[in-house]
Protein backbone atom coordinates (compact mmCIF):
# COMPACT_ATOMS: atom_id res chain seq x y z
CA TRP A 1 0.00 0.00 0.00
CA HIS A 2 1.34 3.40 -0.90
CA PRO A 3 0.08 6.87 0.19
CA LEU A 4 -0.39 9.11 -2.86
CA GLN A 5 -1.30 12.75 -3.60
CA MET A 6 -4.94 13.64 -4.28
CA SER A 7 -6.85 16.86 -4.91
CA SER A 8 -9.31 18.65 -2.62
CA GLU A 9 -12.08 18.26 -5.23
CA SER A 10 -12.40 14.61 -4.14
CA LEU A 11 -13.12 15.47 -0.51
CA THR A 12 -16.85 14.92 -0.64
CA GLN A 13 -16.72 11.74 -2.78
CA VAL A 14 -14.44 9.47 -0.79
CA GLU A 15 -14.72 6.91 2.02
CA GLU A 16 -15.31 8.67 5.32
CA PHE A 17 -14.27 7.32 8.72
CA LYS A 18 -15.12 9.97 11.29
CA TYR A 19 -12.94 10.33 14.33
CA LEU A 20 -14.04 13.10 16.75
CA GLY A 21 -11.05 13.91 18.86
CA VAL A 22 -7.55 12.59 18.64
CA LEU A 23 -8.12 10.01 21.34
CA PHE A 24 -11.72 8.92 20.79
CA THR A 25 -13.85 7.86 17.85
CA THR A 26 -17.58 8.44 18.01
CA GLU A 27 -18.71 7.68 14.47
CA GLY A 28 -17.66 5.82 11.36
CA ARG A 29 -19.55 5.84 8.07
CA MET A 30 -18.85 4.78 4.51
CA ASP A 31 -19.78 6.04 1.05
CA LYS A 32 -19.02 3.48 -1.69
CA SER A 33 -20.04 5.41 -4.78
CA MET A 34 -16.61 6.58 -5.97
CA ASN A 35 -14.59 3.44 -5.23
CA ILE A 36 -16.93 0.89 -6.77
CA ALA A 37 -17.06 2.85 -10.03
CA ASN A 38 -13.27 2.73 -10.43
CA HIS A 39 -12.96 -0.90 -9.33
CA HIS A 40 -15.78 -2.55 -11.34
CA THR A 41 -17.34 -3.87 -8.13
CA GLY A 42 -20.77 -2.24 -8.14
CA MET A 43 -22.56 -5.56 -8.78
CA TYR A 44 -21.49 -7.19 -5.50
CA ILE A 45 -24.43 -7.40 -3.09
CA THR A 46 -22.72 -6.79 0.24
CA GLU A 47 -22.55 -4.04 2.83
CA THR A 48 -18.76 -4.17 2.83
CA LEU A 49 -16.71 -2.15 0.37
CA VAL A 50 -15.25 -4.32 -2.44
CA VAL A 51 -12.14 -3.07 -4.26
CA ARG A 52 -9.40 -4.52 -6.47
CA ARG A 53 -5.67 -4.46 -5.85
CA GLY A 54 -3.41 -2.18 -7.87
CA ASP A 55 -5.96 0.66 -8.12
CA PRO A 56 -6.36 3.63 -5.71
CA ILE A 57 -8.70 3.52 -2.72
CA PHE A 58 -9.92 6.82 -1.27
CA LEU A 59 -10.38 7.25 2.49
CA LYS A 60 -11.61 10.20 4.53
CA LEU A 61 -10.67 10.51 8.20
CA THR A 62 -12.36 13.17 10.32
CA PHE A 63 -10.78 14.32 13.61
CA ASN A 64 -11.78 16.91 16.21
CA ARG A 65 -9.27 19.36 14.75
CA PRO A 66 -7.07 19.77 11.66
CA VAL A 67 -4.12 17.37 11.49
CA THR A 68 -0.69 19.00 11.70
CA ALA A 69 2.82 17.81 10.94
CA GLN A 70 3.38 17.25 14.67
CA ASP A 71 0.57 14.68 14.93
CA ASN A 72 1.65 11.06 14.83
CA PHE A 73 -0.78 8.33 13.77
CA GLN A 74 -1.04 5.25 11.56
CA VAL A 75 -3.71 3.75 9.34
CA GLN A 76 -3.33 -0.04 9.46
CA PHE A 77 -4.85 -2.60 7.08
CA ARG A 78 -5.25 -5.89 8.94
CA ILE A 79 -6.16 -9.32 7.58
CA GLY A 80 -6.48 -12.34 9.84
CA GLN A 81 -3.99 -11.96 12.67
CA SER A 82 -1.57 -9.96 10.52
CA THR A 83 -1.07 -6.29 9.76
CA PHE A 84 -0.05 -6.19 6.12
CA SER A 85 0.25 -2.45 5.64
CA LYS A 86 0.71 0.71 7.64
CA VAL A 87 0.27 4.24 6.31
CA SER A 88 1.99 6.68 8.65
CA SER A 89 1.34 10.37 9.27
CA SER A 90 5.03 10.97 8.65
CA CYS A 91 3.91 11.19 4.99
CA VAL A 92 1.74 14.18 5.84
CA GLN A 93 2.85 16.04 2.69
CA THR A 94 0.82 13.59 0.67
CA PHE A 95 -2.36 14.31 2.62
CA PHE A 96 -4.90 17.10 2.41
CA THR A 97 -6.59 18.51 5.50
CA HIS A 98 -9.84 20.42 5.46
CA GLN A 99 -11.66 21.48 8.63
CA GLY A 100 -10.37 18.50 10.58
CA ALA A 101 -10.81 16.04 7.68
CA LEU A 102 -7.79 14.13 6.44
CA MET A 103 -7.95 12.88 2.85
CA LEU A 104 -5.95 9.78 2.05
CA GLN A 105 -5.43 7.94 -1.22
CA VAL A 106 -4.05 4.43 -0.78
CA THR A 107 -3.04 2.12 -3.63
CA PRO A 108 -2.74 -1.57 -2.77
CA ALA A 109 0.22 -3.23 -4.46
CA PRO A 110 -0.70 -5.26 -7.57
CA ASN A 111 0.45 -8.41 -5.75
CA ALA A 112 -1.24 -7.62 -2.42
CA VAL A 113 -2.87 -10.39 -0.40
CA VAL A 114 -6.50 -11.01 -1.35
CA GLY A 115 -9.17 -11.23 1.35
CA ARG A 116 -11.10 -9.23 3.95
CA TYR A 117 -9.24 -6.38 5.64
CA ARG A 118 -10.02 -4.27 8.69
CA VAL A 119 -9.00 -0.60 8.67
CA VAL A 120 -7.59 0.49 12.04
CA VAL A 121 -6.37 3.97 13.04
CA ALA A 122 -3.68 4.14 15.72
CA VAL A 123 -2.89 7.52 17.34
CA ALA A 124 0.42 7.95 19.17
CA LEU A 125 0.03 9.15 22.76
CA ALA A 126 2.55 9.71 25.51
CA ASN A 127 1.85 6.27 26.96
CA GLY A 128 1.64 4.36 23.66
CA LEU A 129 -0.72 3.84 20.71
CA GLN A 130 -4.47 4.39 20.98
CA TYR A 131 -6.43 2.16 18.53
CA THR A 132 -9.97 2.57 17.31
CA GLY A 133 -12.40 0.09 18.85
CA PRO A 134 -13.55 -3.04 16.97
CA GLU A 135 -17.02 -1.61 16.37
CA LEU A 136 -15.50 1.32 14.48
CA GLN A 137 -13.02 -0.60 12.31
CA PRO A 138 -14.41 -0.47 8.76
CA SER A 139 -13.80 -3.52 6.56
CA LEU A 140 -13.13 -3.96 2.88
CA TYR A 141 -12.70 -6.89 0.50
CA LEU A 142 -9.61 -6.76 -1.70
CA LEU A 143 -9.76 -8.85 -4.89
CA PHE A 144 -7.55 -9.75 -7.84
CA ASN A 145 -7.62 -7.14 -10.60
CA PRO A 146 -8.01 -8.46 -14.16
CA PHE A 147 -8.34 -4.85 -15.34
CA ASN A 148 -4.85 -3.77 -14.18
CA SER A 149 -1.89 -4.72 -16.38
CA ARG A 150 0.45 -4.92 -13.36
CA ASP A 151 -1.61 -7.73 -11.83
CA THR A 152 -0.68 -11.29 -12.86
CA ALA A 153 -4.43 -11.88 -13.21
CA PHE A 154 -4.67 -9.22 -15.95
CA LEU A 155 -7.01 -10.10 -18.80
CA GLU A 156 -6.79 -8.56 -22.25
CA SER A 157 -9.59 -6.16 -23.14
CA GLY A 158 -12.64 -7.62 -24.80
CA HIS A 159 -12.78 -10.64 -22.49
CA GLU A 160 -14.65 -9.07 -19.55
CA GLU A 161 -17.26 -11.79 -20.03
CA TYR A 162 -15.00 -14.20 -18.15
CA VAL A 163 -15.09 -12.04 -15.01
CA MET A 164 -18.32 -10.05 -15.11
CA ASN A 165 -20.90 -12.45 -16.59
CA ASP A 166 -22.78 -14.18 -13.78
CA SER A 167 -24.57 -16.79 -15.91
CA GLY A 168 -23.82 -19.10 -18.80
CA VAL A 169 -24.19 -22.60 -20.21
CA ILE A 170 -22.17 -25.80 -19.80
CA TRP A 171 -22.14 -28.41 -22.57
CA ILE A 172 -22.80 -32.01 -21.52
CA GLY A 173 -23.98 -35.21 -23.22
CA SER A 174 -21.96 -37.10 -25.82
CA LEU A 175 -20.17 -36.28 -29.04
CA ASN A 176 -23.19 -36.90 -31.25
CA SER A 177 -25.87 -35.72 -28.81
CA GLU A 178 -24.44 -32.76 -26.92
CA TYR A 179 -26.62 -30.06 -25.40
CA PRO A 180 -26.12 -26.88 -23.29
CA ARG A 181 -27.11 -26.90 -19.63
CA PRO A 182 -27.81 -23.40 -18.18
CA TRP A 183 -25.84 -22.49 -15.08
CA ASN A 184 -26.17 -19.50 -12.75
CA TYR A 185 -22.70 -18.65 -11.46
CA GLY A 186 -24.04 -15.83 -9.26
CA GLN A 187 -20.63 -14.54 -8.19
CA PHE A 188 -22.14 -11.19 -7.14
CA GLU A 189 -25.05 -12.62 -5.12
CA GLN A 190 -25.41 -12.00 -1.39
CA GLY A 191 -23.26 -14.31 0.70
CA VAL A 192 -21.20 -15.71 -2.19
CA LEU A 193 -18.11 -13.55 -1.64
CA GLU A 194 -18.26 -14.32 2.08
CA ALA A 195 -18.46 -18.04 1.23
CA CYS A 196 -15.39 -17.82 -1.02
CA ILE A 197 -13.36 -16.15 1.73
CA TYR A 198 -14.61 -18.84 4.13
CA ILE A 199 -13.32 -21.54 1.75
CA MET A 200 -9.87 -19.92 1.70
CA ASP A 201 -9.84 -19.75 5.49
CA LYS A 202 -10.93 -23.37 5.83
CA SER A 203 -8.20 -24.52 3.44
CA GLN A 204 -5.63 -23.05 5.84
CA LEU A 205 -3.79 -21.51 2.90
CA PRO A 206 -1.21 -19.21 4.53
CA ILE A 207 -2.18 -15.54 4.44
CA SER A 208 1.09 -14.69 2.70
CA ASP A 209 0.20 -17.05 -0.20
CA ARG A 210 -3.19 -15.49 -0.88
CA GLY A 211 -1.72 -12.87 -3.16
CA ASP A 212 -0.40 -15.52 -5.57
CA PRO A 213 -3.15 -16.56 -8.01
CA VAL A 214 -1.35 -19.83 -8.85
CA LYS A 215 -1.50 -20.94 -5.22
CA VAL A 216 -5.06 -19.70 -4.79
CA VAL A 217 -6.44 -21.60 -7.79
CA ARG A 218 -4.51 -24.73 -6.83
CA MET A 219 -6.05 -24.52 -3.37
CA ALA A 220 -9.52 -24.00 -4.87
CA SER A 221 -9.24 -27.05 -7.15
CA ALA A 222 -8.74 -29.12 -3.99
CA MET A 223 -11.35 -27.40 -1.79
CA ILE A 224 -14.29 -27.56 -4.21
CA ASN A 225 -14.28 -31.36 -3.78
CA SER A 226 -14.60 -33.00 -0.36
CA GLN A 227 -12.38 -35.98 -1.04
CA ASP A 228 -9.64 -35.30 1.52
CA ASP A 229 -10.30 -31.90 3.11
CA ASN A 230 -14.08 -31.69 3.76
CA GLY A 231 -14.46 -29.32 0.84
CA VAL A 232 -17.60 -28.03 -0.82
CA LEU A 233 -19.02 -30.93 -2.87
CA VAL A 234 -19.41 -34.70 -2.49
CA GLY A 235 -19.12 -36.67 -5.73
CA ASN A 236 -21.49 -39.49 -6.65
CA TRP A 237 -21.48 -41.44 -9.94
CA SER A 238 -23.95 -44.12 -8.83
CA GLU A 239 -27.72 -44.16 -9.24
CA ASP A 240 -28.40 -43.75 -5.51
CA PHE A 241 -28.76 -40.12 -4.41
CA SER A 242 -31.00 -40.78 -1.40
CA MET A 243 -28.59 -39.09 1.03
CA GLY A 244 -28.57 -35.83 -0.90
CA LYS A 245 -29.65 -34.26 -4.17
CA SER A 246 -28.96 -35.63 -7.62
CA PRO A 247 -26.29 -33.70 -9.56
CA MET A 248 -29.02 -32.95 -12.12
CA PHE A 249 -30.92 -31.02 -9.42
CA TRP A 250 -28.42 -28.17 -9.35
CA THR A 251 -28.73 -25.30 -11.80
CA GLY A 252 -26.32 -22.86 -10.17
CA SER A 253 -23.63 -22.29 -7.57
CA VAL A 254 -25.29 -19.84 -5.17
CA GLN A 255 -27.33 -22.30 -3.10
CA ILE A 256 -24.39 -24.71 -2.88
CA LEU A 257 -21.95 -22.09 -1.62
CA GLN A 258 -24.44 -20.54 0.80
CA GLN A 259 -25.28 -23.95 2.28
CA TYR A 260 -21.63 -24.88 2.67
CA HIS A 261 -20.82 -21.52 4.31
CA SER A 262 -23.69 -21.77 6.79
CA THR A 263 -23.15 -25.41 7.79
CA GLY A 264 -19.49 -26.16 7.05
CA VAL A 265 -20.66 -29.59 5.81
CA PRO A 266 -19.94 -30.80 2.24
CA VAL A 267 -22.96 -30.59 -0.05
CA SER A 268 -24.28 -33.76 -1.75
CA TYR A 269 -24.03 -34.56 -4.70
CA ALA A 270 -21.92 -33.50 -7.67
CA GLN A 271 -20.47 -34.71 -10.93
CA CYS A 272 -17.98 -33.02 -13.23
CA TRP A 273 -20.17 -30.17 -14.55
CA VAL A 274 -21.30 -29.25 -11.01
CA TYR A 275 -17.69 -29.13 -9.80
CA ALA A 276 -16.77 -26.97 -12.79
CA GLY A 277 -19.70 -24.61 -12.30
CA VAL A 278 -18.94 -23.97 -8.62
CA LEU A 279 -15.21 -23.57 -9.26
CA ASN A 280 -16.02 -21.05 -12.00
CA THR A 281 -18.05 -19.03 -9.50
CA PHE A 282 -15.18 -19.06 -7.00
CA MET A 283 -12.71 -17.81 -9.62
CA ARG A 284 -14.87 -14.99 -10.97
CA CYS A 285 -15.95 -13.90 -7.51
CA LEU A 286 -12.33 -13.32 -6.46
CA GLY A 287 -11.53 -11.49 -9.69
CA LEU A 288 -9.93 -14.25 -11.77
CA ALA A 289 -11.06 -14.67 -15.38
CA SER A 290 -12.32 -18.22 -15.91
CA ARG A 291 -14.49 -20.39 -18.13
CA VAL A 292 -15.87 -23.96 -18.19
CA ILE A 293 -14.49 -26.42 -20.77
CA THR A 294 -16.12 -29.64 -21.99
CA ASN A 295 -13.97 -32.39 -23.52
CA PHE A 296 -15.91 -35.02 -25.46
CA LEU A 297 -14.41 -38.52 -25.26
CA SER A 298 -12.10 -37.69 -22.38
CA ALA A 299 -9.49 -40.20 -21.21
CA HIS A 300 -8.53 -41.00 -17.64
CA ASP A 301 -4.92 -42.21 -17.57
CA ASN A 302 -4.52 -43.93 -14.23
CA ASP A 303 -0.86 -44.95 -14.36
CA GLY A 304 0.66 -41.88 -16.02
CA ASN A 305 2.05 -43.58 -19.14
CA LEU A 306 0.17 -41.20 -21.51
CA LYS A 307 -1.81 -44.11 -22.92
CA THR A 308 -5.32 -45.42 -22.35
CA ASP A 309 -5.04 -49.18 -21.89
CA LEU A 310 -8.31 -51.09 -22.26
CA ILE A 311 -8.18 -54.81 -21.44
CA PHE A 312 -10.59 -57.44 -22.74
CA THR A 313 -11.02 -61.14 -22.10
CA SER A 314 -10.19 -63.72 -24.76
CA ASP A 315 -13.81 -63.58 -25.99
CA MET A 316 -13.55 -59.74 -26.27
CA GLN A 317 -15.61 -58.88 -23.19
CA PRO A 318 -14.42 -55.85 -21.15
CA ASP A 319 -12.16 -56.95 -18.32
CA SER A 320 -13.09 -54.37 -15.68
CA ARG A 321 -11.10 -56.18 -13.01
CA HIS A 322 -7.76 -55.55 -14.71
CA THR A 323 -8.54 -52.31 -16.60
CA ARG A 324 -7.50 -49.22 -14.67
CA ASP A 325 -7.79 -46.58 -17.39
CA SER A 326 -11.17 -45.35 -18.66
CA ILE A 327 -12.87 -43.14 -21.23
CA TRP A 328 -15.68 -40.73 -20.33
CA ASN A 329 -18.24 -39.67 -22.92
CA TYR A 330 -17.50 -36.12 -21.73
CA HIS A 331 -15.68 -34.39 -18.91
CA CYS A 332 -15.80 -30.78 -17.69
CA TRP A 333 -13.01 -28.71 -16.20
CA ASN A 334 -12.07 -25.02 -15.96
CA GLU A 335 -9.57 -22.63 -17.45
CA VAL A 336 -8.28 -19.58 -15.59
CA TYR A 337 -6.34 -16.76 -17.25
CA LEU A 338 -2.98 -16.06 -15.55
CA ARG A 339 0.44 -14.65 -16.21
CA ARG A 340 2.61 -17.46 -14.86
CA MET A 341 5.77 -16.32 -13.07
CA ASP A 342 6.91 -19.87 -12.22
CA ILE A 343 7.28 -21.13 -15.81
CA PRO A 344 8.53 -19.55 -19.07
CA GLU A 345 6.45 -16.50 -19.98
CA GLU A 346 5.39 -17.98 -23.32
CA PHE A 347 3.18 -20.44 -21.46
CA SER A 348 1.08 -17.79 -19.72
CA GLY A 349 -2.56 -17.36 -20.67
CA TRP A 350 -5.27 -19.96 -20.19
CA GLN A 351 -4.43 -22.55 -17.52
CA VAL A 352 -6.35 -25.79 -16.88
CA ILE A 353 -7.69 -26.47 -13.39
CA ASP A 354 -9.99 -29.32 -12.42
CA SER A 355 -11.73 -29.94 -9.10
CA THR A 356 -13.32 -33.29 -10.00
CA PRO A 357 -11.48 -35.81 -7.79
CA GLN A 358 -9.70 -38.16 -10.21
CA GLU A 359 -6.06 -38.49 -9.15
CA THR A 360 -4.01 -37.01 -6.32
CA SER A 361 -1.49 -34.26 -6.97
CA ASP A 362 1.06 -33.60 -4.22
CA GLY A 363 -1.09 -35.59 -1.82
CA ASN A 364 -4.50 -34.02 -2.52
CA TYR A 365 -7.24 -34.59 -5.05
CA ARG A 366 -6.70 -31.59 -7.30
CA CYS A 367 -5.42 -30.77 -10.77
CA GLY A 368 -3.59 -27.78 -12.25
CA PRO A 369 -2.96 -25.09 -13.08
CA ALA A 370 -1.38 -26.38 -16.29
CA SER A 371 -0.66 -24.26 -19.36
CA VAL A 372 -2.90 -24.99 -22.36
CA LYS A 373 -0.10 -23.87 -24.71
CA ALA A 374 2.35 -26.28 -23.08
CA ILE A 375 -0.13 -29.15 -23.32
CA LYS A 376 -0.58 -28.57 -27.04
CA ILE A 377 3.13 -28.90 -27.85
CA GLY A 378 3.72 -31.74 -25.41
CA LYS A 379 5.77 -29.94 -22.76
CA VAL A 380 4.03 -31.65 -19.91
CA CYS A 381 6.77 -31.35 -17.29
CA PHE A 382 5.86 -27.83 -16.18
CA PRO A 383 3.79 -27.55 -13.00
CA PHE A 384 1.13 -28.69 -12.49
CA ASP A 385 -0.27 -32.05 -13.73
CA GLY A 386 0.38 -31.43 -17.43
CA ARG A 387 0.91 -35.13 -18.15
CA PHE A 388 -2.52 -36.10 -16.82
CA ILE A 389 -4.30 -33.37 -18.81
CA PHE A 390 -2.35 -34.20 -21.98
CA ALA A 391 -3.58 -37.79 -21.73
CA GLU A 392 -7.18 -36.59 -21.31
CA VAL A 393 -7.13 -34.94 -24.73
CA ASN A 394 -4.40 -36.68 -26.74
CA SER A 395 -3.62 -40.20 -25.51
CA ASP A 396 -3.62 -43.26 -27.75
CA VAL A 397 -6.12 -46.00 -26.93
CA LEU A 398 -4.55 -49.47 -26.75
CA TYR A 399 -6.85 -52.49 -26.89
CA HIS A 400 -5.41 -55.60 -25.20
CA THR A 401 -6.65 -59.14 -24.72
CA ARG A 402 -5.70 -61.07 -21.61
CA ASP A 403 -5.43 -64.85 -21.61
CA ARG A 404 -6.06 -67.09 -18.62
CA TYR A 405 -2.39 -66.91 -17.66
CA GLY A 406 -2.48 -63.12 -17.44
CA LYS A 407 -0.50 -62.46 -20.59
CA LEU A 408 -1.56 -59.33 -22.51
CA SER A 409 -1.63 -59.22 -26.29
CA LEU A 410 -2.01 -55.89 -28.09
CA GLN A 411 -4.82 -56.09 -30.64
CA LYS A 412 -5.36 -52.52 -31.83
CA VAL A 413 -4.20 -48.91 -31.37
CA ASP A 414 -6.59 -45.99 -31.94
CA LYS A 415 -4.83 -42.64 -32.19
CA LYS A 416 -7.91 -40.52 -32.97
CA LEU A 417 -10.59 -41.49 -30.47
CA ILE A 418 -9.62 -39.30 -27.49
CA GLY A 419 -10.37 -35.57 -27.30
CA GLN A 420 -12.33 -35.29 -30.52
CA LYS A 421 -13.96 -32.01 -29.52
CA LEU A 422 -13.36 -29.38 -26.82
CA VAL A 423 -15.87 -26.55 -26.42
CA THR A 424 -16.80 -23.65 -24.17
CA LYS A 425 -19.37 -20.89 -24.16
CA SER A 426 -18.71 -18.07 -26.60
CA PRO A 427 -18.04 -14.66 -25.01
CA HIS A 428 -20.63 -13.21 -27.39
CA GLY A 429 -23.63 -15.36 -26.45
CA ASN A 430 -24.92 -18.72 -25.27
CA TYR A 431 -23.60 -20.66 -28.22
CA GLN A 432 -20.70 -23.02 -28.61
CA LEU A 433 -17.08 -22.01 -29.18
CA ASP A 434 -14.88 -24.85 -30.47
CA ILE A 435 -11.39 -24.63 -28.92
CA THR A 436 -10.08 -28.08 -29.90
CA LEU A 437 -7.12 -26.64 -31.80
CA GLU A 438 -5.99 -24.76 -28.70
CA TYR A 439 -5.27 -28.13 -27.06
CA LYS A 440 -4.04 -30.28 -29.94
CA TYR A 441 -3.04 -30.29 -33.58
CA ASN A 442 -5.21 -31.76 -36.29
CA GLU A 443 -4.99 -35.54 -36.18
CA GLY A 444 -2.32 -36.74 -38.60
CA LYS A 445 -0.44 -33.43 -38.56
CA THR A 446 1.14 -33.66 -35.13
CA TRP A 447 4.94 -33.45 -35.12
CA PHE A 448 5.28 -35.60 -32.00
CA SER A 449 3.79 -38.78 -30.65
CA PRO A 450 2.61 -39.36 -27.06
CA SER A 451 5.56 -41.67 -26.48
CA SER A 452 7.98 -38.85 -27.26
CA VAL A 453 6.20 -36.50 -24.88
CA LEU A 454 7.43 -38.60 -21.98
CA LEU A 455 11.01 -37.76 -22.98
CA TRP A 456 10.62 -33.98 -22.84
CA SER A 457 12.86 -32.39 -20.25
CA CYS A 458 12.26 -28.93 -18.88
CA PHE A 459 14.75 -29.01 -16.04
CA SER A 460 18.29 -30.24 -15.53
CA PRO A 461 18.81 -34.00 -15.98
CA MET A 462 18.61 -36.03 -12.80
CA THR A 463 19.70 -39.58 -12.07
CA LEU A 464 17.59 -41.55 -9.61
CA SER A 465 18.74 -44.81 -8.06
CA VAL A 466 15.94 -47.10 -6.86
CA PRO A 467 17.12 -49.82 -4.44
CA PRO A 468 15.90 -53.39 -5.11
CA GLU A 469 13.85 -53.55 -1.91
CA GLU A 470 11.62 -50.79 -3.33
CA TYR A 471 10.60 -52.64 -6.48
CA MET A 472 11.19 -56.35 -5.79
CA PRO A 473 7.86 -56.81 -3.91
CA PHE A 474 5.97 -55.73 -7.04
CA LEU A 475 7.67 -58.03 -9.54
CA GLY A 476 5.15 -60.41 -11.04
CA SER A 477 2.13 -58.72 -9.43
CA GLN A 478 1.89 -55.56 -11.55
CA PRO A 479 3.18 -54.57 -15.00
CA ASN A 480 4.45 -51.07 -14.17
CA LEU A 481 6.06 -49.12 -11.36
CA LYS A 482 5.25 -45.41 -11.07
CA ILE A 483 8.11 -43.32 -9.67
CA THR A 484 7.24 -39.83 -8.42
CA VAL A 485 9.89 -37.24 -7.55
CA SER A 486 9.02 -34.04 -5.65
CA VAL A 487 11.47 -31.14 -5.74
CA LYS A 488 11.24 -28.08 -3.51
CA LEU A 489 12.16 -24.92 -5.40
CA PRO A 490 13.80 -21.86 -3.78
CA GLN A 491 10.38 -20.16 -3.62
CA ASN A 492 9.15 -23.04 -1.39
CA GLU A 493 7.08 -24.31 -4.30
CA MET A 494 6.85 -28.06 -4.81
CA VAL A 495 7.34 -29.45 -8.32
CA THR A 496 6.35 -33.05 -8.92
CA GLU A 497 7.59 -35.23 -11.77
CA SER A 498 6.61 -38.84 -12.48
CA ALA A 499 7.89 -41.66 -14.64
CA VAL A 500 6.52 -45.12 -15.37
CA VAL A 501 8.95 -48.06 -15.45
CA SER A 502 8.00 -51.45 -16.88
CA LEU A 503 8.49 -54.34 -14.47
CA GLU A 504 9.55 -57.59 -16.14
CA VAL A 505 10.97 -60.81 -14.71
CA LEU A 506 13.81 -62.03 -16.91
CA TRP A 507 13.80 -65.83 -17.09
CA LEU A 508 17.27 -67.41 -17.30
CA ASN A 509 17.83 -70.46 -19.53
CA ILE A 510 20.52 -72.47 -17.72
CA GLN A 511 21.95 -75.68 -19.24
CA VAL A 512 23.68 -78.11 -16.85
CA ARG A 513 26.21 -80.48 -18.45
CA PRO A 514 27.61 -83.57 -16.64
CA GLU A 515 31.34 -83.34 -16.09
CA THR A 516 33.50 -86.48 -16.57
CA ARG A 517 36.24 -87.43 -14.16
CA ASP A 518 38.84 -87.11 -16.93
CA GLN A 519 37.93 -83.46 -17.41
CA ARG A 520 38.51 -82.61 -13.76
CA PRO A 521 41.95 -81.46 -12.64
CA GLU A 522 43.79 -84.28 -10.87
CA THR A 523 45.47 -82.14 -8.23
CA ARG A 524 44.72 -78.87 -6.55
CA ASP A 525 47.61 -77.27 -8.39
CA GLN A 526 45.85 -77.85 -11.67
CA ARG A 527 42.62 -76.24 -10.45
CA PRO A 528 42.21 -72.49 -10.75
CA ASP A 529 42.44 -70.82 -7.40
CA GLN A 530 39.33 -68.63 -7.27
CA ARG A 531 39.35 -68.06 -3.55
CA PRO A 532 39.89 -64.51 -2.25
CA GLN A 533 43.47 -63.91 -1.17
CA ARG A 534 43.78 -63.41 2.56
CA THR A 535 47.40 -62.42 3.05
CA GLU A 536 47.40 -61.97 6.81
CA THR A 537 45.79 -65.36 7.44
CA ARG A 538 48.13 -67.26 5.14
CA LYS A 539 51.18 -66.02 7.05
CA LEU A 540 49.94 -67.86 10.14
CA LEU A 541 49.31 -71.15 8.34
CA LYS A 542 51.88 -73.79 7.52
CA LYS A 543 52.41 -74.72 3.96
CA ARG A 544 50.06 -77.50 2.93
CA PRO A 545 51.56 -80.71 1.59
CA GLU A 546 51.28 -80.94 -2.16
CA THR A 547 50.01 -84.56 -2.26
CA ARG A 548 47.93 -86.77 -0.03
CA ASP A 549 50.91 -89.07 0.68
CA GLN A 550 52.74 -86.28 2.42
CA ARG A 551 49.90 -85.70 4.87
CA PRO A 552 49.75 -87.46 8.24
CA GLU A 553 47.99 -90.79 7.73
CA THR A 554 46.71 -91.19 11.30
CA ARG A 555 45.11 -88.86 13.78
CA ASP A 556 47.84 -89.70 16.33
CA GLN A 557 50.24 -87.50 14.42
CA ARG A 558 47.95 -84.48 14.84
CA PRO A 559 48.37 -82.06 17.78
CA GLU A 560 45.18 -83.38 19.43
CA THR A 561 45.37 -87.07 20.49
CA ARG A 562 42.32 -89.22 20.70
CA ASP A 563 43.32 -92.62 22.09
CA GLN A 564 39.82 -94.04 21.91
CA ARG A 565 39.66 -93.84 18.13
CA PRO A 566 41.34 -96.30 15.74
CA GLU A 567 44.61 -95.18 14.29
CA THR A 568 43.39 -95.64 10.74
CA ARG A 569 40.00 -95.26 9.21
CA PRO A 570 38.11 -98.38 8.22
CA GLU A 571 38.06 -98.88 4.52
CA THR A 572 34.86 -100.93 4.24
CA ARG A 573 31.47 -101.16 5.93
CA ASP A 574 32.34 -104.69 7.17
CA GLN A 575 35.22 -103.29 9.16
CA ILE A 576 32.88 -100.74 10.72
CA ARG A 577 30.45 -103.42 11.82
CA ASP A 578 33.24 -105.58 13.27
């Protein structure tokens, strides 16, 4: 936050917090008209002022007398248990005073923390600081600013639809029978902004991370589902919805978010388009441009090998027991528009995020953000989850048969089935916008294959040694071993990379030949000495006799005497019996 110069003409149009007397505050009131016009926030239905970071906020403070250069006070902006900014009266040259009113223009930094702030005035007295009471601490919501080019959430002009439109349609169905389903996002409705802030608080995302849109959207993709953090929605793909409402019941996000905020209990039930609709509301409410995407014939690659492996029995019946990958007739996710600072700048723009719980990412059921541009050219190693999303739109389908011994035989490869059409709502109306070519090249014109995508390297090469005890238990019981490596970057960001290794038991063909006595060496001297050389031990031993004749024939000649035993060994069994 930075104190800036402003003119006296603005005195009657700014926020007013009235402080009668230096030590005591008797009244505080707020006029929103000027701020909401400059911040595109007039549609929010809330009593609290809503502004966007990076643009000026105007405040009016009224005291019992004009403020002078000798007065010492602070205006503090507090969020949670932290004070993130202090504007001091030592900058009095930037203020205007008029009959006891102090005019202040404050500009939040374009990367300021997003959330609900309390404005506190602290006056310096002889015995310390005197703060305004809690009942007279005005609040404001600070959001991302897609209208400010200094914000990493900045959206190019002409695309305001993706922030300001509070309704739309989501395409569902199948490739040959698709239809639009209306959805009320309602990001400006009463209680929705409060619910979104509640979700951030419940996620326990550190306050200091709430200014980074990458971390905020990654948190949201986890919190919209309830899989591992008691988030907003419970998924259900069965036919039994008796413990809640069918996913087809919902036509908007408002009721879902209000119910979750008031109870703190996950709402039942959802499927992919419901997850996408609620996540879209969360993004737009906080000031992030977003849209819902539908992918027809969407793959689910379970083992990360960039292929969709479908297994059938010998009579060509689906083998659901051994098939882990799957194909959905359609799947919905979201895109959010960001300038990524953690990957090369060329991959900024639309980023995929998905809150439908499919696979874990860094320990939680979430997905993204992943650059759409990077997915198209096969650079799937950038954070986050690019490999999984690439497989959803561009994996090859491999059809296998499995015999009774468990051996798989590849029967067919289909390179064109997956990701045949990707659509979203047009910014100009409720009709379909085909964005397939933003995710993939025309089939047959691609300059890489999915198998080559696995070999892309975006970071320095790394050698990983896996000890036998880590993989030996899996030999024979599963065909692949998935190795995941997590690297902590200097910015305390975790980057995860995975690789799939094929597990095969190599059978050795050993031939044993009988060895004749004539082929064996007659004496020890003729045999190769393959024993390890122990120099220190050999010094203590006497030289062995070269032949058996030179050795003592009886035990009596050895250092230990055993009188009870015969001097020579019996040569036959008859002698033993006698």
